[in-house]
Each structure stands twice: as structure tokens, then as C-alpha cells.
Amino acid sequence: MTPPATTRLPWLTRAAAWFPRGAELRDEDFADRHRVVRLVLAAHVPVLFGLTLLAG
């Protein structure tokens, strides 16, 4: 069961504000967010590689 919208977690509200919609996103902001997304995605590669080695 999902909590009511009035009891949203503060971090979720901040995270939602970090991703504005459409044309509201300036080029500088896009570059910063894109860099973070790339780092998060790149971090998955060594983790998956390690899990593959552990699984045999």
C-alpha cells in the first residue's frame, strides 16, 4: 500500500524537484544532471562484473 501524497518523504520531494520538466531545464543544469546519471550508470559495470565473477 502506498502512503498518501501528503506524507511524502522529504528526500523524494527534493529528488523530484531535481528533475524539472521539458524546456524548464537549462543547458548548464542538463550537463550537471547528465554527468551524475553517467557516473551512476558507469558504477553498475564493475558491480555487475564482480557479481559475474562471484557467481562463476
PDB file of N, CA and C in Angstrom:
ATOM      1  N   MET A   1       0.844  -1.180   0.000  1.00  0.00           N
ATOM      2  CA  MET A   1       0.000   0.000   0.000  1.00  0.00           C
ATOM      3  C   MET A   1       0.888   1.242   0.000  1.00  0.00           C
ATOM      4  N   THR A   2       0.606   2.196  -0.852  1.00  0.00           N
ATOM      5  CA  THR A   2       1.412   3.407  -0.938  1.00  0.00           C
ATOM      6  C   THR A   2       0.902   4.443   0.053  1.00  0.00           C
ATOM      7  N   PRO A   3       1.813   5.237   0.625  1.00  0.00           N
ATOM      8  CA  PRO A   3       1.383   6.263   1.573  1.00  0.00           C
ATOM      9  C   PRO A   3       0.656   7.387   0.854  1.00  0.00           C
ATOM     10  N   PRO A   4      -0.176   8.124   1.568  1.00  0.00           N
ATOM     11  CA  PRO A   4      -0.858   9.267   0.951  1.00  0.00           C
ATOM     12  C   PRO A   4       0.156  10.293   0.461  1.00  0.00           C
ATOM     13  N   ALA A   5      -0.242  11.092  -0.506  1.00  0.00           N
ATOM     14  CA  ALA A   5       0.667  12.077  -1.101  1.00  0.00           C
ATOM     15  C   ALA A   5       1.117  13.116  -0.085  1.00  0.00           C
ATOM     16  N   THR A   6       0.332  13.343   0.953  1.00  0.00           N
ATOM     17  CA  THR A   6       0.699  14.356   1.943  1.00  0.00           C
ATOM     18  C   THR A   6       1.823  13.891   2.854  1.00  0.00           C
ATOM     19  N   THR A   7       2.120  12.605   2.882  1.00  0.00           N
ATOM     20  CA  THR A   7       3.185  12.092   3.745  1.00  0.00           C
ATOM     21  C   THR A   7       4.406  11.672   2.936  1.00  0.00           C
ATOM     22  N   ARG A   8       4.644  12.341   1.827  1.00  0.00           N
ATOM     23  CA  ARG A   8       5.810  12.001   1.005  1.00  0.00           C
ATOM     24  C   ARG A   8       7.091  12.283   1.765  1.00  0.00           C
ATOM     25  N   LEU A   9       8.073  11.501   1.478  1.00  0.00           N
ATOM     26  CA  LEU A   9       9.355  11.670   2.139  1.00  0.00           C
ATOM     27  C   LEU A   9      10.039  12.933   1.639  1.00  0.00           C
ATOM     28  N   PRO A  10      10.739  13.664   2.519  1.00  0.00           N
ATOM     29  CA  PRO A  10      11.395  14.905   2.093  1.00  0.00           C
ATOM     30  C   PRO A  10      12.417  14.677   0.981  1.00  0.00           C
ATOM     31  N   TRP A  11      13.157  13.566   1.040  1.00  0.00           N
ATOM     32  CA  TRP A  11      14.169  13.327   0.007  1.00  0.00           C
ATOM     33  C   TRP A  11      13.520  13.072  -1.340  1.00  0.00           C
ATOM     34  N   LEU A  12      12.317  12.479  -1.331  1.00  0.00           N
ATOM     35  CA  LEU A  12      11.622  12.224  -2.585  1.00  0.00           C
ATOM     36  C   LEU A  12      11.168  13.531  -3.223  1.00  0.00           C
ATOM     37  N   THR A  13      10.724  14.458  -2.396  1.00  0.00           N
ATOM     38  CA  THR A  13      10.318  15.766  -2.902  1.00  0.00           C
ATOM     39  C   THR A  13      11.514  16.501  -3.490  1.00  0.00           C
ATOM     40  N   ARG A  14      12.657  16.429  -2.792  1.00  0.00           N
ATOM     41  CA  ARG A  14      13.863  17.086  -3.320  1.00  0.00           C
ATOM     42  C   ARG A  14      14.320  16.426  -4.611  1.00  0.00           C
ATOM     43  N   ALA A  15      14.234  15.112  -4.670  1.00  0.00           N
ATOM     44  CA  ALA A  15      14.644  14.402  -5.881  1.00  0.00           C
ATOM     45  C   ALA A  15      13.739  14.764  -7.047  1.00  0.00           C
ATOM     46  N   ALA A  16      12.446  14.884  -6.805  1.00  0.00           N
ATOM     47  CA  ALA A  16      11.516  15.253  -7.870  1.00  0.00           C
ATOM     48  C   ALA A  16      11.793  16.666  -8.364  1.00  0.00           C
ATOM     49  N   ALA A  17      12.179  17.561  -7.472  1.00  0.00           N
ATOM     50  CA  ALA A  17      12.489  18.935  -7.873  1.00  0.00           C
ATOM     51  C   ALA A  17      13.782  18.998  -8.676  1.00  0.00           C
ATOM     52  N   TRP A  18      14.630  17.985  -8.542  1.00  0.00           N
ATOM     53  CA  TRP A  18      15.910  17.967  -9.243  1.00  0.00           C
ATOM     54  C   TRP A  18      15.730  17.680 -10.725  1.00  0.00           C
ATOM     55  N   PHE A  19      14.582  17.143 -11.112  1.00  0.00           N
ATOM     56  CA  PHE A  19      14.301  16.803 -12.498  1.00  0.00           C
ATOM     57  C   PHE A  19      13.128  17.609 -13.032  1.00  0.00           C
ATOM     58  N   PRO A  20      13.349  18.895 -13.370  1.00  0.00           N
ATOM     59  CA  PRO A  20      12.245  19.682 -13.928  1.00  0.00           C
ATOM     60  C   PRO A  20      11.839  19.149 -15.289  1.00  0.00           C
ATOM     61  N   ARG A  21      10.670  19.531 -15.725  1.00  0.00           N
ATOM     62  CA  ARG A  21      10.127  19.010 -16.975  1.00  0.00           C
ATOM     63  C   ARG A  21      10.518  19.874 -18.169  1.00  0.00           C
ATOM     64  N   GLY A  22      10.761  19.214 -19.283  1.00  0.00           N
ATOM     65  CA  GLY A  22      10.902  19.834 -20.594  1.00  0.00           C
ATOM     66  C   GLY A  22      11.805  21.039 -20.684  1.00  0.00           C
ATOM     67  N   ALA A  23      11.263  22.124 -21.198  1.00  0.00           N
ATOM     68  CA  ALA A  23      12.039  23.319 -21.514  1.00  0.00           C
ATOM     69  C   ALA A  23      12.507  24.065 -20.272  1.00  0.00           C
ATOM     70  N   GLU A  24      12.054  23.670 -19.093  1.00  0.00           N
ATOM     71  CA  GLU A  24      12.490  24.338 -17.871  1.00  0.00           C
ATOM     72  C   GLU A  24      13.958  24.060 -17.564  1.00  0.00           C
ATOM     73  N   LEU A  25      14.508  23.024 -18.143  1.00  0.00           N
ATOM     74  CA  LEU A  25      15.870  22.607 -17.826  1.00  0.00           C
ATOM     75  C   LEU A  25      16.873  23.387 -18.676  1.00  0.00           C
ATOM     76  N   ARG A  26      17.727  24.156 -18.000  1.00  0.00           N
ATOM     77  CA  ARG A  26      18.755  24.919 -18.706  1.00  0.00           C
ATOM     78  C   ARG A  26      19.888  23.991 -19.133  1.00  0.00           C
ATOM     79  N   ASP A  27      20.673  24.433 -20.098  1.00  0.00           N
ATOM     80  CA  ASP A  27      21.774  23.609 -20.605  1.00  0.00           C
ATOM     81  C   ASP A  27      22.792  23.278 -19.518  1.00  0.00           C
ATOM     82  N   GLU A  28      23.107  24.256 -18.651  1.00  0.00           N
ATOM     83  CA  GLU A  28      24.073  24.013 -17.580  1.00  0.00           C
ATOM     84  C   GLU A  28      23.545  22.964 -16.606  1.00  0.00           C
ATOM     85  N   ASP A  29      22.265  23.056 -16.280  1.00  0.00           N
ATOM     86  CA  ASP A  29      21.668  22.078 -15.369  1.00  0.00           C
ATOM     87  C   ASP A  29      21.629  20.701 -16.012  1.00  0.00           C
ATOM     88  N   PHE A  30      21.336  20.663 -17.306  1.00  0.00           N
ATOM     89  CA  PHE A  30      21.308  19.382 -18.002  1.00  0.00           C
ATOM     90  C   PHE A  30      22.677  18.722 -17.952  1.00  0.00           C
ATOM     91  N   ALA A  31      23.726  19.507 -18.157  1.00  0.00           N
ATOM     92  CA  ALA A  31      25.082  18.956 -18.151  1.00  0.00           C
ATOM     93  C   ALA A  31      25.423  18.357 -16.788  1.00  0.00           C
ATOM     94  N   ASP A  32      25.055  19.049 -15.712  1.00  0.00           N
ATOM     95  CA  ASP A  32      25.327  18.530 -14.367  1.00  0.00           C
ATOM     96  C   ASP A  32      24.572  17.236 -14.113  1.00  0.00           C
ATOM     97  N   ARG A  33      23.305  17.216 -14.455  1.00  0.00           N
ATOM     98  CA  ARG A  33      22.494  16.027 -14.214  1.00  0.00           C
ATOM     99  C   ARG A  33      22.942  14.869 -15.100  1.00  0.00           C
ATOM    100  N   HIS A  34      23.319  15.184 -16.323  1.00  0.00           N
ATOM    101  CA  HIS A  34      23.781  14.147 -17.238  1.00  0.00           C
ATOM    102  C   HIS A  34      25.069  13.509 -16.722  1.00  0.00           C
ATOM    103  N   ARG A  35      25.940  14.321 -16.155  1.00  0.00           N
ATOM    104  CA  ARG A  35      27.193  13.810 -15.589  1.00  0.00           C
ATOM    105  C   ARG A  35      26.903  12.847 -14.433  1.00  0.00           C
ATOM    106  N   VAL A  36      25.957  13.195 -13.580  1.00  0.00           N
ATOM    107  CA  VAL A  36      25.602  12.324 -12.455  1.00  0.00           C
ATOM    108  C   VAL A  36      25.005  11.018 -12.960  1.00  0.00           C
ATOM    109  N   VAL A  37      24.120  11.100 -13.937  1.00  0.00           N
ATOM    110  CA  VAL A  37      23.495   9.892 -14.482  1.00  0.00           C
ATOM    111  C   VAL A  37      24.550   8.988 -15.107  1.00  0.00           C
ATOM    112  N   ARG A  38      25.495   9.579 -15.838  1.00  0.00           N
ATOM    113  CA  ARG A  38      26.565   8.772 -16.435  1.00  0.00           C
ATOM    114  C   ARG A  38      27.404   8.082 -15.375  1.00  0.00           C
ATOM    115  N   LEU A  39      27.716   8.783 -14.287  1.00  0.00           N
ATOM    116  CA  LEU A  39      28.509   8.177 -13.216  1.00  0.00           C
ATOM    117  C   LEU A  39      27.760   7.026 -12.551  1.00  0.00           C
ATOM    118  N   VAL A  40      26.475   7.207 -12.327  1.00  0.00           N
ATOM    119  CA  VAL A  40      25.679   6.143 -11.707  1.00  0.00           C
ATOM    120  C   VAL A  40      25.619   4.929 -12.624  1.00  0.00           C
ATOM    121  N   LEU A  41      25.395   5.165 -13.900  1.00  0.00           N
ATOM    122  CA  LEU A  41      25.342   4.048 -14.841  1.00  0.00           C
ATOM    123  C   LEU A  41      26.698   3.362 -14.965  1.00  0.00           C
ATOM    124  N   ALA A  42      27.768   4.143 -14.978  1.00  0.00           N
ATOM    125  CA  ALA A  42      29.106   3.564 -15.088  1.00  0.00           C
ATOM    126  C   ALA A  42      29.464   2.760 -13.843  1.00  0.00           C
ATOM    127  N   ALA A  43      28.933   3.125 -12.697  1.00  0.00           N
ATOM    128  CA  ALA A  43      29.223   2.392 -11.465  1.00  0.00           C
ATOM    129  C   ALA A  43      28.615   0.997 -11.498  1.00  0.00           C
ATOM    130  N   HIS A  44      27.601   0.791 -12.306  1.00  0.00           N
ATOM    131  CA  HIS A  44      26.975  -0.523 -12.382  1.00  0.00           C
ATOM    132  C   HIS A  44      27.868  -1.550 -13.081  1.00  0.00           C
ATOM    133  N   VAL A  45      28.718  -1.117 -13.977  1.00  0.00           N
ATOM    134  CA  VAL A  45      29.544  -2.045 -14.747  1.00  0.00           C
ATOM    135  C   VAL A  45      30.480  -2.844 -13.841  1.00  0.00           C
ATOM    136  N   PRO A  46      31.274  -2.204 -12.962  1.00  0.00           N
ATOM    137  CA  PRO A  46      32.148  -3.010 -12.102  1.00  0.00           C
ATOM    138  C   PRO A  46      31.364  -3.894 -11.131  1.00  0.00           C
ATOM    139  N   VAL A  47      30.218  -3.413 -10.682  1.00  0.00           N
ATOM    140  CA  VAL A  47      29.401  -4.219  -9.767  1.00  0.00           C
ATOM    141  C   VAL A  47      28.903  -5.470 -10.478  1.00  0.00           C
ATOM    142  N   LEU A  48      28.382  -5.312 -11.671  1.00  0.00           N
ATOM    143  CA  LEU A  48      27.903  -6.473 -12.423  1.00  0.00           C
ATOM    144  C   LEU A  48      29.050  -7.419 -12.769  1.00  0.00           C
ATOM    145  N   PHE A  49      30.202  -6.864 -13.091  1.00  0.00           N
ATOM    146  CA  PHE A  49      31.372  -7.690 -13.377  1.00  0.00           C
ATOM    147  C   PHE A  49      31.771  -8.502 -12.144  1.00  0.00           C
ATOM    148  N   GLY A  50      31.781  -7.842 -10.990  1.00  0.00           N
ATOM    149  CA  GLY A  50      32.118  -8.537  -9.755  1.00  0.00           C
ATOM    150  C   GLY A  50      31.125  -9.635  -9.421  1.00  0.00           C
ATOM    151  N   LEU A  51      29.847  -9.357  -9.616  1.00  0.00           N
ATOM    152  CA  LEU A  51      28.831 -10.383  -9.366  1.00  0.00           C
ATOM    153  C   LEU A  51      28.986 -11.560 -10.319  1.00  0.00           C
ATOM    154  N   THR A  52      29.360 -11.263 -11.555  1.00  0.00           N
ATOM    155  CA  THR A  52      29.577 -12.333 -12.527  1.00  0.00           C
ATOM    156  C   THR A  52      30.747 -13.216 -12.103  1.00  0.00           C
ATOM    157  N   LEU A  53      31.817 -12.598 -11.629  1.00  0.00           N
ATOM    158  CA  LEU A  53      32.968 -13.376 -11.174  1.00  0.00           C
ATOM    159  C   LEU A  53      32.627 -14.217  -9.949  1.00  0.00           C
ATOM    160  N   LEU A  54      31.842 -13.648  -9.045  1.00  0.00           N
ATOM    161  CA  LEU A  54      31.465 -14.394  -7.840  1.00  0.00           C
ATOM    162  C   LEU A  54      30.520 -15.551  -8.157  1.00  0.00           C
ATOM    163  N   ALA A  55      29.652 -15.351  -9.140  1.00  0.00           N
ATOM    164  CA  ALA A  55      28.682 -16.390  -9.486  1.00  0.00           C
ATOM    165  C   ALA A  55      29.342 -17.534 -10.250  1.00  0.00           C
ATOM    166  N   GLY A  56      30.458 -17.235 -10.867  1.00  0.00           N
ATOM    167  CA  GLY A  56      31.189 -18.283 -11.576  1.00  0.00           C
ATOM    168  C   GLY A  56      30.702 -18.403 -12.939  1.00  0.00           C
TER     169      GLY A  56
END
